[in-house]
Amino acid sequence: MIAAPSLPANVGNGFTFSSEGRDPDLAFDEYRQLYANGSDVERAEGPFHAHVTAWRLGNMLLFDRRLDGLIHSRTERVASDGFDHFVLYAMIDGEIIGSPESRFDRAGAGNVVLLDTSMATRTQAVGAHYLTVSIARHLVEAIVDDPASLHGMVLRPPSTLILIDFLASLAHRAPGIATAAMPNLSRVLVDLLAIALAGYSRPGSETRQQNLLRRQSVESYIARHLADRRLSAATISDATGISRSSLYRLYDRQGGIARLVQMRRLEAIRAAIEDGSTAGLGELAQQFGFASEAHMSRVFSEVNGRAPGAYRREVQANPDEGVLTARRRWVGWMSELS
């Protein structure tokens, strides 16, 4: 058995769900609601148990999961929900049983499983304790020549152990990690994944690896200067030494560099509202670099499906960190994963 991380008392920018000490049927129904945005959930034979703690860490979503008696399926919805990232399972204890769709049979302690969310999956947790990371596709593309070949790949120790140790450390320290440090954490994760993949797949091209370094530089700069209204393709280009044309190509999939800056500002405002900020919407818009409250409200509504005032009222109506709060937060994270 691999040593497990202790869960922090204060989750911070995250959420926790637990079935401990609750009616199993009620707890399962809430768990199914929690996962409704990303997976269909069924009861398996045997007792049901679920304890999930989650954190948003920049281009990664990190989960500490303790699950039993559950089946997660992404077979019917995969063609319509638009998910396009990778999920990494780092097994601490117990077992995950795969399926033909998932392209693996089973994985246990010390294994790392890679799954592509654009492809169908079906997995069953059996007394499982594992850490999962949702990773933006471009991070994986930087280190692997053929990312599609990773779906269902099971990596084995000893090459996986440093990666698992790193994720366990992240799970232990996630609440205290500064936003500006998160692009660097993404790079560390990718480097450790590349080590674990050595011998399993061909490495990515030097160009894609260089682009990953450029992205790290750009996103670190954005995180440090988010409140500066002058933040633009021109100022980012001057600060990082990356030409504007290269910036546009680098972030073409995300809608361009200006869109990336806008999304990072929206993320910061959503997180501030989630954390209970009492600042007015105009103050938040100014604090995070928007030209006006009206502009901020318009783009917030486009991304989140409701205006920031409505979002704040929704947050205030569910202050107890219940399943609705957790699901709303998770949906927001998924819309921002890039």
Protein backbone atom coordinates (compact mmCIF):
# COMPACT_ATOMS: atom_id res chain seq x y z
CA MET A 1 0.00 0.00 0.00
CA ILE A 2 1.21 3.51 -0.83
CA ALA A 3 1.07 6.14 1.91
CA ALA A 4 -1.95 8.41 1.41
CA PRO A 5 -2.05 12.17 1.88
CA SER A 6 -3.96 13.57 4.83
CA LEU A 7 -6.91 15.76 3.86
CA PRO A 8 -6.63 19.43 4.82
CA ALA A 9 -9.16 20.83 7.29
CA ASN A 10 -9.88 23.84 5.07
CA VAL A 11 -10.39 23.09 1.40
CA GLY A 12 -10.11 26.72 0.22
CA ASN A 13 -10.81 26.99 -3.53
CA GLY A 14 -12.42 23.57 -3.75
CA PHE A 15 -15.17 21.38 -2.32
CA THR A 16 -15.71 18.17 -0.37
CA PHE A 17 -18.45 15.56 -0.69
CA SER A 18 -18.84 12.66 1.74
CA SER A 19 -21.36 9.85 2.20
CA GLU A 20 -19.95 9.05 5.65
CA GLY A 21 -22.67 8.49 8.28
CA ARG A 22 -25.51 9.25 5.88
CA ASP A 23 -28.38 7.32 4.35
CA PRO A 24 -26.76 5.46 1.41
CA ASP A 25 -29.64 6.07 -1.01
CA LEU A 26 -29.79 9.80 -0.29
CA ALA A 27 -26.01 10.12 -0.42
CA PHE A 28 -25.84 8.26 -3.72
CA ASP A 29 -28.53 10.47 -5.23
CA GLU A 30 -26.54 13.56 -4.26
CA TYR A 31 -23.33 12.02 -5.58
CA ARG A 32 -25.04 11.37 -8.91
CA GLN A 33 -26.16 15.02 -9.01
CA LEU A 34 -22.61 16.14 -8.29
CA TYR A 35 -21.26 14.16 -11.27
CA ALA A 36 -24.15 14.96 -13.62
CA ASN A 37 -22.07 17.41 -15.65
CA GLY A 38 -19.35 14.90 -16.50
CA SER A 39 -20.38 11.28 -15.98
CA ASP A 40 -23.32 8.91 -15.62
CA VAL A 41 -23.12 7.11 -12.28
CA GLU A 42 -24.53 3.70 -11.26
CA ARG A 43 -24.49 1.61 -8.09
CA ALA A 44 -22.42 -1.55 -8.33
CA GLU A 45 -22.78 -4.65 -6.18
CA GLY A 46 -21.75 -4.25 -2.56
CA PRO A 47 -21.79 -1.25 -0.22
CA PHE A 48 -21.61 2.30 -1.54
CA HIS A 49 -19.08 4.76 -0.13
CA ALA A 50 -17.81 8.07 -1.47
CA HIS A 51 -15.49 10.75 -0.15
CA VAL A 52 -14.26 13.30 -2.70
CA THR A 53 -12.20 16.42 -2.14
CA ALA A 54 -11.44 18.64 -5.14
CA TRP A 55 -9.29 21.68 -5.93
CA ARG A 56 -8.85 23.95 -8.93
CA LEU A 57 -5.14 24.47 -9.69
CA GLY A 58 -4.85 26.53 -12.87
CA ASN A 59 -4.85 24.20 -15.89
CA MET A 60 -5.49 21.21 -13.64
CA LEU A 61 -8.39 19.94 -11.55
CA LEU A 62 -7.15 17.75 -8.70
CA PHE A 63 -9.38 15.25 -6.88
CA ASP A 64 -8.74 12.97 -3.91
CA ARG A 65 -11.30 10.17 -4.24
CA ARG A 66 -12.20 7.27 -1.90
CA LEU A 67 -14.91 5.28 -3.67
CA ASP A 68 -16.56 1.88 -3.39
CA GLY A 69 -19.55 0.30 -5.11
CA LEU A 70 -19.69 2.83 -7.97
CA ILE A 71 -19.60 2.73 -11.77
CA HIS A 72 -18.79 5.85 -13.79
CA SER A 73 -19.68 5.87 -17.48
CA ARG A 74 -18.99 8.27 -20.34
CA THR A 75 -20.32 6.18 -23.20
CA GLU A 76 -23.48 7.93 -24.40
CA ARG A 77 -22.62 11.53 -23.51
CA VAL A 78 -19.09 11.58 -24.93
CA ALA A 79 -20.29 12.61 -28.40
CA SER A 80 -22.25 15.60 -27.14
CA ASP A 81 -20.71 17.16 -24.04
CA GLY A 82 -17.65 18.62 -25.77
CA PHE A 83 -15.08 17.47 -23.18
CA ASP A 84 -11.59 17.50 -24.69
CA HIS A 85 -9.07 16.98 -21.91
CA PHE A 86 -7.22 14.09 -20.29
CA VAL A 87 -7.80 12.51 -16.89
CA LEU A 88 -5.00 10.81 -15.00
CA TYR A 89 -5.81 8.26 -12.25
CA ALA A 90 -3.01 7.79 -9.69
CA MET A 91 -3.88 4.69 -7.66
CA ILE A 92 -3.16 4.75 -3.92
CA ASP A 93 -5.09 1.66 -2.78
CA GLY A 94 -7.88 -0.66 -3.90
CA GLU A 95 -8.78 -1.23 -7.53
CA ILE A 96 -10.36 0.37 -10.59
CA ILE A 97 -11.92 -2.11 -13.03
CA GLY A 98 -11.91 -1.00 -16.66
CA SER A 99 -13.93 -2.05 -19.71
CA PRO A 100 -13.56 -2.47 -23.48
CA GLU A 101 -14.47 1.23 -23.91
CA SER A 102 -11.82 2.27 -21.41
CA ARG A 103 -9.21 0.03 -23.09
CA PHE A 104 -7.84 -1.40 -19.84
CA ASP A 105 -8.83 -4.30 -17.58
CA ARG A 106 -7.90 -3.15 -14.08
CA ALA A 107 -5.49 -0.96 -12.15
CA GLY A 108 -4.27 -1.13 -8.56
CA ALA A 109 -1.90 0.56 -6.14
CA GLY A 110 1.07 2.20 -7.82
CA ASN A 111 -0.57 2.24 -11.27
CA VAL A 112 -1.36 5.40 -13.24
CA VAL A 113 -4.19 5.26 -15.79
CA LEU A 114 -4.64 7.80 -18.61
CA LEU A 115 -8.07 8.45 -20.13
CA ASP A 116 -9.07 10.79 -22.97
CA THR A 117 -12.44 12.45 -22.21
CA SER A 118 -13.19 12.74 -25.93
CA MET A 119 -13.44 8.92 -25.96
CA ALA A 120 -15.89 6.57 -24.23
CA THR A 121 -15.06 5.18 -20.78
CA ARG A 122 -16.68 2.93 -18.17
CA THR A 123 -14.94 2.21 -14.85
CA GLN A 124 -15.85 0.63 -11.52
CA ALA A 125 -14.32 1.57 -8.17
CA VAL A 126 -13.70 -1.30 -5.75
CA GLY A 127 -12.45 -0.10 -2.37
CA ALA A 128 -10.47 2.47 -4.33
CA HIS A 129 -8.44 5.41 -3.07
CA TYR A 130 -6.96 7.36 -5.92
CA LEU A 131 -5.94 10.86 -6.97
CA THR A 132 -7.17 12.14 -10.31
CA VAL A 133 -6.09 15.12 -12.36
CA SER A 134 -8.02 16.65 -15.23
CA ILE A 135 -5.39 18.11 -17.55
CA ALA A 136 -5.81 20.49 -20.49
CA ARG A 137 -5.11 18.67 -23.75
CA HIS A 138 -2.30 20.98 -24.89
CA LEU A 139 -0.23 19.98 -21.83
CA VAL A 140 -0.33 16.33 -22.88
CA GLU A 141 0.25 17.13 -26.55
CA ALA A 142 3.51 18.84 -25.59
CA ILE A 143 5.10 15.60 -24.41
CA VAL A 144 3.51 12.84 -26.53
CA ASP A 145 3.69 12.35 -30.28
CA ASP A 146 0.31 10.57 -30.49
CA PRO A 147 -1.97 11.63 -27.58
CA ALA A 148 -4.88 9.45 -28.80
CA SER A 149 -2.74 6.36 -28.10
CA LEU A 150 -2.77 7.17 -24.39
CA HIS A 151 -6.45 6.37 -23.85
CA GLY A 152 -6.63 3.44 -21.45
CA MET A 153 -2.87 3.21 -20.96
CA VAL A 154 -1.87 1.77 -17.56
CA LEU A 155 1.58 2.84 -16.34
CA ARG A 156 3.29 0.76 -13.67
CA PRO A 157 5.84 1.36 -10.91
CA PRO A 158 8.58 2.26 -10.37
CA SER A 159 8.29 4.97 -13.06
CA THR A 160 4.94 6.14 -11.65
CA LEU A 161 5.93 6.59 -8.01
CA ILE A 162 7.46 10.08 -8.16
CA LEU A 163 4.40 11.30 -10.08
CA ILE A 164 2.08 9.80 -7.45
CA ASP A 165 4.15 11.35 -4.64
CA PHE A 166 3.90 14.75 -6.34
CA LEU A 167 0.11 14.51 -6.64
CA ALA A 168 -0.15 13.42 -3.00
CA SER A 169 1.86 16.49 -1.99
CA LEU A 170 -0.39 18.72 -4.09
CA ALA A 171 -3.48 17.22 -2.44
CA HIS A 172 -1.99 17.94 0.98
CA ARG A 173 -0.97 21.52 0.21
CA ALA A 174 -3.52 22.65 -2.41
CA PRO A 175 -5.33 25.25 -0.26
CA GLY A 176 -2.13 27.24 0.28
CA ILE A 177 -0.84 27.33 -3.31
CA ALA A 178 -0.67 30.82 -4.82
CA THR A 179 -2.42 31.40 -8.14
CA ALA A 180 0.77 32.73 -9.72
CA ALA A 181 2.53 29.42 -8.99
CA MET A 182 -0.01 27.26 -10.80
CA PRO A 183 1.45 27.47 -14.34
CA ASN A 184 4.74 26.18 -12.89
CA LEU A 185 2.91 23.31 -11.17
CA SER A 186 1.41 22.33 -14.53
CA ARG A 187 4.91 22.16 -16.00
CA VAL A 188 6.16 19.97 -13.13
CA LEU A 189 3.21 17.61 -13.60
CA VAL A 190 3.88 17.34 -17.32
CA ASP A 191 7.59 16.66 -16.77
CA LEU A 192 6.82 13.89 -14.26
CA LEU A 193 4.22 12.41 -16.60
CA ALA A 194 6.82 12.40 -19.37
CA ILE A 195 9.15 10.44 -17.07
CA ALA A 196 6.40 7.92 -16.31
CA LEU A 197 5.62 7.59 -20.04
CA ALA A 198 9.22 6.95 -21.07
CA GLY A 199 9.27 3.68 -22.99
CA TYR A 200 5.49 3.64 -23.45
CA SER A 201 5.10 6.30 -26.15
CA ARG A 202 7.13 8.51 -28.45
CA PRO A 203 7.99 11.93 -26.99
CA GLY A 204 6.47 15.07 -28.41
CA SER A 205 8.33 17.25 -30.88
CA GLU A 206 10.80 19.90 -29.78
CA THR A 207 8.44 22.55 -31.17
CA ARG A 208 5.56 21.44 -28.94
CA GLN A 209 7.85 21.25 -25.93
CA GLN A 210 9.11 24.75 -26.67
CA ASN A 211 5.52 25.96 -26.97
CA LEU A 212 4.80 24.54 -23.52
CA LEU A 213 7.65 26.62 -22.08
CA ARG A 214 6.29 29.68 -23.87
CA ARG A 215 2.83 29.05 -22.46
CA GLN A 216 4.26 28.74 -18.96
CA SER A 217 6.01 32.09 -19.34
CA VAL A 218 2.90 33.79 -20.74
CA GLU A 219 0.49 32.42 -18.15
CA SER A 220 2.80 33.19 -15.25
CA TYR A 221 3.00 36.79 -16.49
CA ILE A 222 -0.79 37.02 -16.87
CA ALA A 223 -1.34 35.66 -13.36
CA ARG A 224 0.98 38.32 -11.90
CA HIS A 225 -0.56 41.23 -13.86
CA LEU A 226 -4.24 40.32 -14.00
CA ALA A 227 -5.37 43.62 -12.42
CA ASP A 228 -3.41 45.76 -14.91
CA ARG A 229 -5.81 47.17 -17.51
CA ARG A 230 -2.87 47.61 -19.87
CA LEU A 231 -2.40 43.84 -20.02
CA SER A 232 -2.61 42.95 -23.72
CA ALA A 233 -0.93 41.00 -26.48
CA ALA A 234 1.52 43.88 -26.85
CA THR A 235 2.55 44.06 -23.18
CA ILE A 236 2.75 40.26 -22.91
CA SER A 237 4.87 40.12 -26.05
CA ASP A 238 7.24 42.80 -24.72
CA ALA A 239 7.57 41.09 -21.32
CA THR A 240 8.09 37.52 -22.56
CA GLY A 241 9.96 38.13 -25.81
CA ILE A 242 7.36 36.15 -27.77
CA SER A 243 6.14 37.85 -30.93
CA ARG A 244 2.47 38.79 -31.19
CA SER A 245 2.00 36.50 -34.19
CA SER A 246 3.46 33.61 -32.16
CA LEU A 247 1.13 34.45 -29.27
CA TYR A 248 -1.87 34.32 -31.57
CA ARG A 249 -0.80 30.93 -32.96
CA LEU A 250 0.00 29.62 -29.47
CA TYR A 251 -3.51 30.36 -28.19
CA ASP A 252 -5.51 29.91 -31.37
CA ARG A 253 -7.41 26.95 -29.87
CA GLN A 254 -8.43 29.11 -26.89
CA GLY A 255 -9.70 31.92 -29.12
CA GLY A 256 -6.53 34.01 -29.01
CA ILE A 257 -4.41 35.68 -26.35
CA ALA A 258 -6.98 38.42 -25.59
CA ARG A 259 -9.60 35.74 -24.94
CA LEU A 260 -7.21 33.93 -22.59
CA VAL A 261 -6.67 37.11 -20.56
CA GLN A 262 -10.41 37.66 -20.44
CA MET A 263 -11.05 34.10 -19.25
CA ARG A 264 -8.43 34.35 -16.52
CA ARG A 265 -10.08 37.57 -15.29
CA LEU A 266 -13.49 35.91 -15.29
CA GLU A 267 -12.06 32.96 -13.35
CA ALA A 268 -10.72 35.35 -10.72
CA ILE A 269 -14.10 37.11 -10.39
CA ARG A 270 -15.99 33.82 -10.17
CA ALA A 271 -13.57 32.61 -7.48
CA ALA A 272 -13.95 35.88 -5.55
CA ILE A 273 -17.74 35.51 -5.59
CA GLU A 274 -17.43 31.86 -4.52
CA ASP A 275 -15.16 32.90 -1.66
CA GLY A 276 -17.82 35.33 -0.38
CA SER A 277 -16.30 38.65 -1.47
CA THR A 278 -18.56 41.57 -0.48
CA ALA A 279 -17.02 43.93 -3.06
CA GLY A 280 -19.47 45.46 -5.50
CA LEU A 281 -19.49 44.17 -9.06
CA GLY A 282 -18.02 47.42 -10.34
CA GLU A 283 -15.23 47.13 -7.78
CA LEU A 284 -14.54 43.53 -8.81
CA ALA A 285 -14.45 44.55 -12.47
CA GLN A 286 -11.89 47.25 -11.68
CA GLN A 287 -9.91 44.99 -9.35
CA PHE A 288 -9.45 42.37 -12.07
CA GLY A 289 -8.72 44.65 -15.00
CA PHE A 290 -12.03 45.00 -16.85
CA ALA A 291 -12.75 48.32 -18.52
CA SER A 292 -16.21 48.53 -16.96
CA GLU A 293 -18.80 46.65 -14.95
CA ALA A 294 -21.01 46.40 -18.03
CA HIS A 295 -18.28 44.75 -20.07
CA MET A 296 -17.47 42.33 -17.27
CA SER A 297 -21.14 41.43 -16.77
CA ARG A 298 -21.65 40.78 -20.47
CA VAL A 299 -18.73 38.36 -20.88
CA PHE A 300 -19.41 36.73 -17.48
CA SER A 301 -22.96 35.97 -18.65
CA GLU A 302 -21.69 34.54 -21.94
CA VAL A 303 -19.34 32.12 -20.18
CA ASN A 304 -21.33 31.22 -17.04
CA GLY A 305 -24.88 31.33 -18.37
CA ARG A 306 -26.04 34.00 -15.93
CA ALA A 307 -25.03 37.49 -14.90
CA PRO A 308 -22.52 37.91 -12.03
CA GLY A 309 -25.24 39.37 -9.80
CA ALA A 310 -27.42 36.30 -10.34
CA TYR A 311 -24.41 34.06 -9.77
CA ARG A 312 -23.70 35.84 -6.47
CA ARG A 313 -27.30 35.42 -5.33
CA GLU A 314 -27.09 31.71 -6.20
CA VAL A 315 -23.89 31.38 -4.15
CA GLN A 316 -25.42 33.25 -1.20
CA ALA A 317 -28.52 31.04 -1.32
CA ASN A 318 -26.36 27.90 -0.92
CA PRO A 319 -23.69 28.83 1.63
CA ASP A 320 -23.42 25.40 3.26
CA GLU A 321 -20.97 23.79 0.79
CA GLY A 322 -23.67 21.30 -0.16
CA VAL A 323 -23.92 19.33 -3.38
CA LEU A 324 -25.41 22.28 -5.33
CA THR A 325 -22.47 24.47 -4.32
CA ALA A 326 -19.97 21.76 -5.23
CA ARG A 327 -21.63 21.07 -8.59
CA ARG A 328 -21.81 24.79 -9.48
CA ARG A 329 -18.15 25.23 -8.66
CA TRP A 330 -17.13 22.15 -10.66
CA VAL A 331 -19.15 23.24 -13.70
CA GLY A 332 -17.39 26.60 -13.53
CA TRP A 333 -13.99 24.93 -13.40
CA MET A 334 -14.77 22.76 -16.42
CA SER A 335 -15.82 25.77 -18.50
CA GLU A 336 -12.45 27.40 -17.72
CA LEU A 337 -10.16 24.40 -18.23
CA SER A 338 -7.87 25.33 -21.12
